[in-house]
């Protein structure tokens, strides 16, 4: 008999979190696995705080959340749980994320964009907020008009599921991540 999985589900939308939880429960039932322990967090800051004494087997992150976005949480969680796969689950794309921008830095060259993004990522990893600077990876991605999914992959996300997701899409990702 396999062991019970602990999965952190991070989404500020309770309906989306519930739908994903149901898909994960259906998956484990279909695979004759014990019911997973699903722990819901509403934002990146909450999931980084984690759940006392729990090491997750999988973490899911929405990209656009209050307090701390999923991309910023991704780099922090990789430090805290280096062997835990992280799956991004979001409806965000380059067009939707572009509407979030406070600064338009789209005129920069690709090299300049990557350099600025790298500086923001380093600040986020080191918890070094600087007044007057971009201190959120999602804000940087938005301001630079970059694809949040490509950035998540570049930052080490193990998989991506687009909302609204299908059962088949979730199952395929779980098959790959929960070997």
Protein backbone atom coordinates (compact mmCIF):
# COMPACT_ATOMS: atom_id res chain seq x y z
CA UNK A 1 0.00 0.00 0.00
CA UNK A 2 1.35 3.44 -0.89
CA UNK A 3 1.67 6.24 1.61
CA UNK A 4 -0.67 9.16 1.99
CA UNK A 5 0.37 12.20 -0.02
CA UNK A 6 0.41 15.70 1.41
CA UNK A 7 -0.43 18.33 -1.19
CA UNK A 8 -0.42 22.09 -0.68
CA UNK A 9 -3.02 23.80 -2.88
CA UNK A 10 -2.47 27.55 -3.17
CA UNK A 11 -5.22 29.63 -4.76
CA UNK A 12 -7.11 32.69 -3.58
CA UNK A 13 -10.22 31.47 -5.39
CA UNK A 14 -11.99 28.89 -3.20
CA UNK A 15 -13.93 27.45 -6.15
CA UNK A 16 -10.76 26.81 -8.17
CA UNK A 17 -9.05 25.29 -5.12
CA UNK A 18 -12.06 23.00 -4.56
CA UNK A 19 -12.16 21.93 -8.22
CA UNK A 20 -8.47 21.09 -8.18
CA UNK A 21 -8.86 19.26 -4.85
CA UNK A 22 -11.64 17.15 -6.36
CA UNK A 23 -9.45 16.28 -9.36
CA UNK A 24 -6.60 15.22 -7.07
CA UNK A 25 -8.94 13.09 -4.94
CA UNK A 26 -10.37 11.46 -8.08
CA UNK A 27 -6.84 10.79 -9.31
CA UNK A 28 -5.72 9.12 -6.08
CA UNK A 29 -8.93 7.07 -5.94
CA UNK A 30 -8.44 5.91 -9.54
CA UNK A 31 -4.84 4.92 -8.69
CA UNK A 32 -5.98 3.07 -5.52
CA UNK A 33 -3.91 5.41 -3.39
CA UNK A 34 -4.86 6.53 0.12
CA UNK A 35 -6.88 9.74 0.23
CA UNK A 36 -4.41 12.63 0.09
CA UNK A 37 -4.03 15.24 2.78
CA UNK A 38 -4.92 18.46 0.97
CA UNK A 39 -3.96 21.69 2.70
CA UNK A 40 -5.33 24.92 1.19
CA UNK A 41 -3.49 28.24 1.29
CA UNK A 42 -4.90 31.51 -0.06
CA UNK A 43 -1.67 33.21 -1.18
CA UNK A 44 2.05 32.74 -1.61
CA UNK A 45 2.90 34.17 1.78
CA UNK A 46 0.65 31.66 3.54
CA UNK A 47 2.06 28.63 1.72
CA UNK A 48 5.64 29.72 2.46
CA UNK A 49 4.67 29.67 6.14
CA UNK A 50 3.65 26.11 5.39
CA UNK A 51 1.95 23.77 7.74
CA UNK A 52 3.89 22.91 10.86
CA UNK A 53 5.65 19.58 10.53
CA UNK A 54 4.41 18.87 7.00
CA UNK A 55 6.58 18.42 3.95
CA UNK A 56 4.44 18.37 0.82
CA UNK A 57 4.77 15.82 -1.95
CA UNK A 58 3.40 18.42 -4.38
CA UNK A 59 2.64 22.14 -4.26
CA UNK A 60 0.20 23.86 -6.60
CA UNK A 61 0.36 27.63 -7.09
CA UNK A 62 -1.96 30.08 -8.77
CA UNK A 63 0.03 32.86 -10.43
CA UNK A 64 -2.08 35.92 -9.62
CA UNK A 65 -2.85 36.10 -5.88
CA UNK A 66 -2.96 38.86 -3.28
CA UNK A 67 -0.18 39.42 -0.71
CA UNK A 68 2.39 37.35 -2.67
CA UNK A 69 2.02 36.14 -6.24
CA UNK A 70 2.70 32.57 -7.30
CA UNK A 71 5.88 33.36 -9.24
CA UNK A 72 7.46 35.04 -6.22
CA UNK A 73 6.29 32.15 -4.02
CA UNK A 74 7.75 29.65 -6.51
CA UNK A 75 11.34 30.82 -6.02
CA UNK A 76 10.96 30.93 -2.24
CA UNK A 77 9.32 27.49 -2.03
CA UNK A 78 12.08 25.93 -4.13
CA UNK A 79 14.51 27.03 -1.44
CA UNK A 80 12.32 25.68 1.37
CA UNK A 81 11.28 22.41 -0.35
CA UNK A 82 13.98 21.73 -2.97
CA UNK A 83 12.79 18.21 -3.82
CA UNK A 84 9.06 19.02 -4.00
CA UNK A 85 7.62 19.52 -7.49
CA UNK A 86 5.63 22.72 -7.96
CA UNK A 87 2.77 22.89 -10.44
CA UNK A 88 1.49 26.26 -11.58
CA UNK A 89 -2.30 26.35 -12.04
CA UNK A 90 -3.55 29.58 -13.57
CA UNK A 91 -5.57 31.32 -16.24
CA UNK A 92 -2.87 33.98 -16.67
CA UNK A 93 -1.16 34.46 -19.99
CA UNK A 94 0.91 37.23 -21.52
CA UNK A 95 -2.21 39.22 -22.48
CA UNK A 96 -3.99 38.98 -19.12
CA UNK A 97 -0.85 39.67 -17.15
CA UNK A 98 -0.10 42.73 -19.28
CA UNK A 99 -3.22 44.40 -17.87
CA UNK A 100 -1.74 44.24 -14.37
CA UNK A 101 1.16 46.52 -15.21
CA UNK A 102 1.94 49.62 -13.19
CA UNK A 103 5.06 50.44 -15.22
CA UNK A 104 5.43 49.83 -18.94
CA UNK A 105 8.92 48.53 -19.63
CA UNK A 106 8.03 46.73 -22.86
CA UNK A 107 10.45 48.87 -24.91
CA UNK A 108 13.53 47.21 -23.42
CA UNK A 109 15.58 44.72 -25.40
CA UNK A 110 15.17 41.00 -24.56
CA UNK A 111 18.55 41.07 -22.80
CA UNK A 112 17.58 44.11 -20.73
CA UNK A 113 14.23 42.49 -19.84
CA UNK A 114 15.95 39.30 -18.69
CA UNK A 115 18.51 41.28 -16.71
CA UNK A 116 15.81 43.26 -14.91
CA UNK A 117 13.78 40.11 -14.24
CA UNK A 118 16.89 38.41 -12.81
CA UNK A 119 17.44 41.35 -10.43
CA UNK A 120 13.84 41.10 -9.20
CA UNK A 121 14.13 37.32 -8.78
CA UNK A 122 17.31 37.76 -6.74
CA UNK A 123 15.62 40.37 -4.51
CA UNK A 124 12.63 38.07 -3.95
CA UNK A 125 14.85 35.08 -3.13
CA UNK A 126 16.80 37.12 -0.61
CA UNK A 127 13.74 38.91 0.87
CA UNK A 128 15.25 42.28 -0.03
CA UNK A 129 12.47 44.69 -0.92
CA UNK A 130 13.65 48.05 -2.23
CA UNK A 131 11.45 51.09 -2.10
CA UNK A 132 10.59 52.45 -5.54
CA UNK A 133 11.66 49.21 -7.26
CA UNK A 134 9.70 46.25 -8.53
CA UNK A 135 9.68 43.68 -5.71
CA UNK A 136 7.28 41.09 -7.15
CA UNK A 137 8.11 38.69 -9.95
CA UNK A 138 4.55 38.90 -11.30
CA UNK A 139 4.77 42.70 -11.34
CA UNK A 140 8.08 42.47 -13.24
CA UNK A 141 6.62 39.99 -15.73
CA UNK A 142 3.63 42.27 -16.23
CA UNK A 143 5.71 45.43 -16.64
CA UNK A 144 8.07 43.70 -19.06
CA UNK A 145 5.19 42.13 -21.06
CA UNK A 146 6.68 38.66 -20.62
CA UNK A 147 4.86 35.33 -20.71
CA UNK A 148 4.24 34.26 -17.08
CA UNK A 149 4.10 30.60 -18.06
CA UNK A 150 7.49 30.72 -19.78
CA UNK A 151 8.93 32.59 -16.78
CA UNK A 152 7.48 29.97 -14.39
CA UNK A 153 9.12 27.21 -16.43
CA UNK A 154 12.42 29.10 -16.52
CA UNK A 155 12.23 29.52 -12.74
CA UNK A 156 11.80 25.77 -12.28
CA UNK A 157 8.08 25.05 -12.15
CA UNK A 158 7.67 21.33 -12.80
CA UNK A 159 4.37 21.67 -14.67
CA UNK A 160 1.60 24.04 -15.67
CA UNK A 161 -2.17 23.54 -15.82
CA UNK A 162 -4.33 26.19 -17.48
CA UNK A 163 -7.66 27.16 -15.88
CA UNK A 164 -10.25 26.06 -16.66
CA UNK A 165 -8.51 22.70 -16.58
CA UNK A 166 -9.67 19.33 -17.79
CA UNK A 167 -9.52 16.08 -15.87
CA UNK A 168 -7.16 14.67 -18.49
CA UNK A 169 -4.77 17.61 -18.21
CA UNK A 170 -4.59 17.35 -14.41
CA UNK A 171 -4.21 13.57 -14.54
CA UNK A 172 -1.35 13.76 -17.06
CA UNK A 173 0.54 16.27 -14.88
CA UNK A 174 -0.06 14.25 -11.69
CA UNK A 175 1.13 11.06 -13.42
CA UNK A 176 4.38 12.82 -14.24
CA UNK A 177 4.87 14.59 -10.90
CA UNK A 178 3.75 11.91 -8.42
CA UNK A 179 5.81 8.97 -9.69
